[in-house]
């Protein structure tokens, strides 16, 4: 696929202004455009006209574009993921017209009780929605993962805070034959901790760790906020869905993400909705 440089993207977006009340720029690639378009259509419920969204690439590209965007009289908003900075609370940019999501990534917002129940129901085809909802027990299902995965992301945040490098991997790494193995997460945390202690003292590590553990409670809401929706939450939904299906065929990640979006309540994005409506 032909990729446009930043300036041609800027020119293309200006041709679309008549289709939008507000020009919205996001992370990700052109193939994610339909996802974002539907997201904003559902979030704004027709109160603000958004027929086109412009994905610009990675987070740094979006932030740079926001800083350098010339004033042309148009209302505009640049939306980026919270990422690991959300957890440790440092290096979060504050720039006019830039909105930083209060979750690890935009995919976090498509996973909720409503979306997961409906997703499994549509993929199962032989159980009632009420039966699936009761059996799933959304809060209890996710509580199995909450403590370990939150703790791992807190450790990711500490190593990032100290200027180190971490690798997120994904939920499949901690499952064997579809079964969650918590000990595998513990082993990963120990590896990360060793890397942290190469960068700082035990006492500094403990201080930072305690601070973040107090801030981020070991509960479902925290899991849905700071654990990557892209790498963990949506894969967990696919793993759970597999237990309800009679065949092994599952949607791809992209298909699942898009379908979950259509079912999600999006109430956790009320702050973004309010900002757009008041621009």
Protein backbone atom coordinates (compact mmCIF):
# COMPACT_ATOMS: atom_id res chain seq x y z
CA UNK A 1 0.00 0.00 0.00
CA UNK A 2 1.28 3.46 -0.90
CA UNK A 3 2.09 5.46 2.25
CA UNK A 4 1.79 9.23 2.22
CA UNK A 5 4.30 11.45 3.98
CA UNK A 6 3.12 13.93 6.60
CA UNK A 7 2.58 16.90 4.27
CA UNK A 8 0.48 15.01 1.69
CA UNK A 9 -1.58 13.61 4.60
CA UNK A 10 -2.14 17.18 5.77
CA UNK A 11 -3.35 18.19 2.31
CA UNK A 12 -5.61 15.14 1.99
CA UNK A 13 -7.23 15.90 5.34
CA UNK A 14 -8.02 19.48 4.25
CA UNK A 15 -10.06 18.17 1.31
CA UNK A 16 -12.30 16.31 3.78
CA UNK A 17 -13.15 19.27 5.98
CA UNK A 18 -16.60 19.74 4.46
CA UNK A 19 -17.49 16.25 5.70
CA UNK A 20 -16.60 17.00 9.33
CA UNK A 21 -17.58 19.51 11.99
CA UNK A 22 -14.25 18.71 13.67
CA UNK A 23 -11.07 17.29 12.15
CA UNK A 24 -9.88 14.31 14.19
CA UNK A 25 -6.41 12.80 13.89
CA UNK A 26 -5.45 9.51 15.53
CA UNK A 27 -2.70 6.96 15.84
CA UNK A 28 -2.51 3.81 13.69
CA UNK A 29 -2.68 3.24 9.95
CA UNK A 30 -5.12 3.83 7.06
CA UNK A 31 -6.63 0.35 7.49
CA UNK A 32 -7.76 1.39 11.01
CA UNK A 33 -9.73 4.34 9.67
CA UNK A 34 -13.09 2.56 9.61
CA UNK A 35 -12.64 1.49 13.24
CA UNK A 36 -12.08 5.08 14.35
CA UNK A 37 -14.89 6.40 12.17
CA UNK A 38 -17.38 4.00 13.75
CA UNK A 39 -15.98 4.74 17.21
CA UNK A 40 -16.65 8.46 16.87
CA UNK A 41 -20.01 7.95 15.16
CA UNK A 42 -21.19 5.80 18.09
CA UNK A 43 -19.61 7.98 20.75
CA UNK A 44 -21.10 11.23 19.46
CA UNK A 45 -24.48 9.76 18.45
CA UNK A 46 -24.88 12.14 15.51
CA UNK A 47 -24.52 15.30 17.60
CA UNK A 48 -21.25 16.17 15.87
CA UNK A 49 -20.64 15.34 12.20
CA UNK A 50 -17.58 13.08 11.83
CA UNK A 51 -17.50 11.29 8.47
CA UNK A 52 -13.74 11.05 8.17
CA UNK A 53 -10.89 10.44 10.61
CA UNK A 54 -7.21 10.73 9.70
CA UNK A 55 -4.86 8.08 11.19
CA UNK A 56 -1.31 9.45 11.12
CA UNK A 57 0.82 6.54 12.33
CA UNK A 58 2.56 6.22 15.68
CA UNK A 59 2.04 8.35 18.77
CA UNK A 60 5.11 10.55 18.23
CA UNK A 61 3.94 11.37 14.71
CA UNK A 62 0.52 12.46 16.00
CA UNK A 63 2.06 14.62 18.74
CA UNK A 64 4.49 16.25 16.31
CA UNK A 65 1.68 16.97 13.86
CA UNK A 66 -0.36 18.50 16.70
CA UNK A 67 2.51 20.80 17.64
CA UNK A 68 3.12 21.90 14.06
CA UNK A 69 -0.42 22.06 12.71
CA UNK A 70 -1.02 25.53 11.22
CA UNK A 71 -4.05 27.51 12.35
CA UNK A 72 -6.69 27.42 9.63
CA UNK A 73 -9.84 28.23 11.56
CA UNK A 74 -10.91 24.58 11.75
CA UNK A 75 -11.80 22.80 14.98
CA UNK A 76 -9.38 19.92 15.42
CA UNK A 77 -8.40 17.25 17.92
CA UNK A 78 -5.44 14.88 18.01
CA UNK A 79 -6.08 11.67 19.96
CA UNK A 80 -3.32 9.40 21.29
CA UNK A 81 -3.11 6.36 23.57
CA UNK A 82 -2.18 6.67 27.23
CA UNK A 83 0.47 3.93 26.89
CA UNK A 84 2.84 3.13 29.72
CA UNK A 85 3.13 6.83 30.69
CA UNK A 86 -0.41 6.61 32.00
CA UNK A 87 0.74 4.22 34.72
CA UNK A 88 3.74 6.10 36.10
CA UNK A 89 2.24 9.51 35.31
CA UNK A 90 5.34 11.18 33.89
CA UNK A 91 6.18 12.52 30.42
CA UNK A 92 2.50 12.91 29.52
CA UNK A 93 2.36 15.71 26.95
CA UNK A 94 0.09 18.69 27.58
CA UNK A 95 -0.51 20.42 24.24
CA UNK A 96 -3.45 22.39 22.94
CA UNK A 97 -5.79 20.20 20.87
CA UNK A 98 -4.08 16.99 22.05
CA UNK A 99 -6.21 14.44 23.93
CA UNK A 100 -4.42 11.60 25.73
CA UNK A 101 -6.68 8.62 26.39
CA UNK A 102 -7.02 7.56 30.03
CA UNK A 103 -6.35 3.94 29.09
CA UNK A 104 -3.34 2.07 27.74
CA UNK A 105 -4.76 2.11 24.21
CA UNK A 106 -7.99 2.72 22.34
CA UNK A 107 -8.66 -1.03 22.22
CA UNK A 108 -9.20 -1.01 25.99
CA UNK A 109 -12.51 0.76 25.48
CA UNK A 110 -14.11 -1.95 23.34
CA UNK A 111 -13.91 -4.58 26.10
CA UNK A 112 -16.73 -4.44 28.63
CA UNK A 113 -19.45 -6.74 29.95
CA UNK A 114 -21.88 -5.81 27.17
CA UNK A 115 -19.44 -6.22 24.29
CA UNK A 116 -17.96 -9.51 25.48
CA UNK A 117 -21.35 -11.09 26.22
CA UNK A 118 -22.70 -10.11 22.80
CA UNK A 119 -19.53 -11.18 21.03
CA UNK A 120 -19.61 -14.67 22.56
CA UNK A 121 -23.35 -14.92 21.92
CA UNK A 122 -22.96 -14.16 18.22
CA UNK A 123 -20.06 -16.59 17.85
CA UNK A 124 -21.73 -19.36 19.84
CA UNK A 125 -25.15 -19.46 18.18
CA UNK A 126 -26.66 -22.15 20.40
CA UNK A 127 -26.96 -20.48 23.82
CA UNK A 128 -29.13 -17.63 25.04
CA UNK A 129 -27.49 -14.30 25.81
CA UNK A 130 -28.72 -14.47 29.41
CA UNK A 131 -27.21 -17.93 29.87
CA UNK A 132 -23.85 -16.76 28.50
CA UNK A 133 -23.88 -13.61 30.64
CA UNK A 134 -24.56 -15.58 33.81
CA UNK A 135 -22.01 -18.26 33.04
CA UNK A 136 -19.36 -15.78 31.93
CA UNK A 137 -19.66 -13.69 35.12
CA UNK A 138 -17.60 -10.88 33.60
CA UNK A 139 -16.10 -9.51 36.81
CA UNK A 140 -15.16 -12.92 38.16
CA UNK A 141 -13.66 -14.02 34.85
CA UNK A 142 -11.37 -10.99 34.68
CA UNK A 143 -10.52 -11.10 38.39
CA UNK A 144 -8.57 -14.28 37.64
CA UNK A 145 -6.18 -12.14 35.61
CA UNK A 146 -6.29 -8.82 37.41
CA UNK A 147 -3.64 -9.09 40.11
CA UNK A 148 -0.89 -10.72 38.06
CA UNK A 149 -1.35 -8.72 34.85
CA UNK A 150 -1.70 -5.40 36.68
CA UNK A 151 1.42 -6.21 38.67
CA UNK A 152 3.30 -7.00 35.45
CA UNK A 153 2.27 -3.70 33.86
CA UNK A 154 3.28 -1.84 37.01
CA UNK A 155 6.73 -3.38 36.57
CA UNK A 156 6.72 -2.36 32.89
CA UNK A 157 5.95 1.18 34.06
CA UNK A 158 8.84 1.20 36.54
CA UNK A 159 11.38 0.11 33.94
CA UNK A 160 10.03 2.75 31.53
CA UNK A 161 10.12 5.37 34.32
CA UNK A 162 13.82 4.59 34.75
CA UNK A 163 14.53 4.90 31.03
CA UNK A 164 14.77 1.18 30.36
CA UNK A 165 13.18 -0.90 27.62
CA UNK A 166 10.42 -3.48 28.02
CA UNK A 167 8.57 -5.87 25.72
CA UNK A 168 4.84 -6.35 26.23
CA UNK A 169 4.34 -9.73 24.41
CA UNK A 170 0.67 -10.84 24.59
CA UNK A 171 -1.85 -12.89 26.56
CA UNK A 172 -1.20 -16.09 24.62
CA UNK A 173 2.26 -16.33 26.20
CA UNK A 174 0.65 -17.08 29.54
CA UNK A 175 -1.77 -19.76 28.37
CA UNK A 176 -1.24 -23.42 27.61
CA UNK A 177 -3.94 -25.20 25.59
CA UNK A 178 -6.25 -22.29 26.36
CA UNK A 179 -5.67 -22.49 30.12
CA UNK A 180 -4.25 -19.51 32.02
CA UNK A 181 -1.01 -20.31 33.92
CA UNK A 182 -0.46 -17.56 36.52
CA UNK A 183 3.01 -18.87 37.38
CA UNK A 184 4.16 -17.89 33.90
CA UNK A 185 3.28 -14.27 34.66
CA UNK A 186 5.21 -14.48 37.96
CA UNK A 187 8.26 -15.69 36.05
CA UNK A 188 7.95 -12.79 33.60
CA UNK A 189 7.68 -10.30 36.47
CA UNK A 190 10.87 -11.68 38.01
CA UNK A 191 12.69 -11.19 34.70
CA UNK A 192 11.48 -7.58 34.51
CA UNK A 193 12.43 -6.97 38.15
CA UNK A 194 16.00 -8.12 37.47
CA UNK A 195 16.20 -5.61 34.62
CA UNK A 196 14.87 -2.87 36.91
CA UNK A 197 17.53 -3.60 39.52
CA UNK A 198 20.21 -3.12 36.87
CA UNK A 199 18.96 0.46 36.58
CA UNK A 200 18.31 1.42 40.21
CA UNK A 201 18.62 0.35 43.84
CA UNK A 202 16.35 -2.05 45.69
CA UNK A 203 15.07 0.79 47.88
CA UNK A 204 14.21 3.02 44.90
CA UNK A 205 12.48 0.09 43.20
CA UNK A 206 10.44 -0.59 46.35
CA UNK A 207 9.49 3.08 46.67
CA UNK A 208 8.30 3.32 43.08
CA UNK A 209 6.56 -0.04 43.29
CA UNK A 210 4.63 0.85 46.43
CA UNK A 211 3.60 4.20 44.99
CA UNK A 212 2.14 2.60 41.87
CA UNK A 213 0.50 -0.26 43.76
CA UNK A 214 -1.31 2.27 45.94
CA UNK A 215 -2.39 4.27 42.91
CA UNK A 216 -3.53 1.29 40.81
CA UNK A 217 -5.76 -1.05 42.79
CA UNK A 218 -5.87 -4.74 41.95
CA UNK A 219 -9.37 -4.66 40.45
CA UNK A 220 -11.16 -5.09 37.15
CA UNK A 221 -11.41 -1.37 36.39
CA UNK A 222 -7.64 -1.08 36.66
CA UNK A 223 -7.13 -4.10 34.43
CA UNK A 224 -9.40 -2.52 31.80
CA UNK A 225 -7.41 0.73 32.02
CA UNK A 226 -3.70 -0.06 32.25
CA UNK A 227 -3.29 -3.53 30.74
CA UNK A 228 -2.99 -3.32 26.96
CA UNK A 229 -6.32 -3.95 25.25
CA UNK A 230 -4.52 -4.74 22.02
CA UNK A 231 -2.12 -7.32 23.43
CA UNK A 232 -4.10 -8.72 26.35
CA UNK A 233 -7.79 -7.84 26.69
CA UNK A 234 -8.95 -8.67 23.15
CA UNK A 235 -6.83 -11.87 23.04
CA UNK A 236 -8.41 -12.86 26.39
CA UNK A 237 -11.85 -12.38 24.83
CA UNK A 238 -10.86 -14.64 21.93
CA UNK A 239 -9.50 -17.27 24.31
CA UNK A 240 -12.72 -17.19 26.34
CA UNK A 241 -14.91 -17.30 23.23
CA UNK A 242 -13.16 -20.45 22.10
CA UNK A 243 -14.58 -22.27 25.14
CA UNK A 244 -18.12 -21.58 23.89
CA UNK A 245 -17.68 -22.52 20.26
CA UNK A 246 -18.26 -25.96 18.79
CA UNK A 247 -15.69 -25.37 16.06
CA UNK A 248 -12.18 -24.02 16.41
CA UNK A 249 -12.68 -21.17 13.94
CA UNK A 250 -12.42 -17.72 15.52
CA UNK A 251 -12.37 -14.22 14.02
CA UNK A 252 -9.02 -12.56 13.46
CA UNK A 253 -7.88 -9.97 15.98
CA UNK A 254 -8.92 -7.12 13.65
CA UNK A 255 -12.36 -8.62 13.10
CA UNK A 256 -12.85 -9.13 16.85
CA UNK A 257 -11.76 -5.57 17.63
CA UNK A 258 -14.20 -4.14 15.09
CA UNK A 259 -17.11 -6.32 16.21
CA UNK A 260 -16.53 -5.60 19.92
CA UNK A 261 -16.62 -1.90 19.07
CA UNK A 262 -20.20 -2.25 17.81
CA UNK A 263 -21.33 -3.77 21.12
CA UNK A 264 -19.29 -1.72 23.61
CA UNK A 265 -21.06 0.91 25.72
CA UNK A 266 -18.18 3.42 25.37
CA UNK A 267 -19.24 5.15 28.60
CA UNK A 268 -15.60 5.24 29.72
CA UNK A 269 -14.97 7.69 26.87
CA UNK A 270 -17.37 10.30 28.25
CA UNK A 271 -14.48 12.74 28.79
CA UNK A 272 -13.50 12.54 25.11
CA UNK A 273 -17.13 12.96 24.08
CA UNK A 274 -17.49 16.06 26.25
CA UNK A 275 -14.34 17.68 24.87
CA UNK A 276 -15.41 17.12 21.26
CA UNK A 277 -18.93 18.41 21.87
CA UNK A 278 -17.55 21.56 23.51
CA UNK A 279 -14.83 22.41 20.98
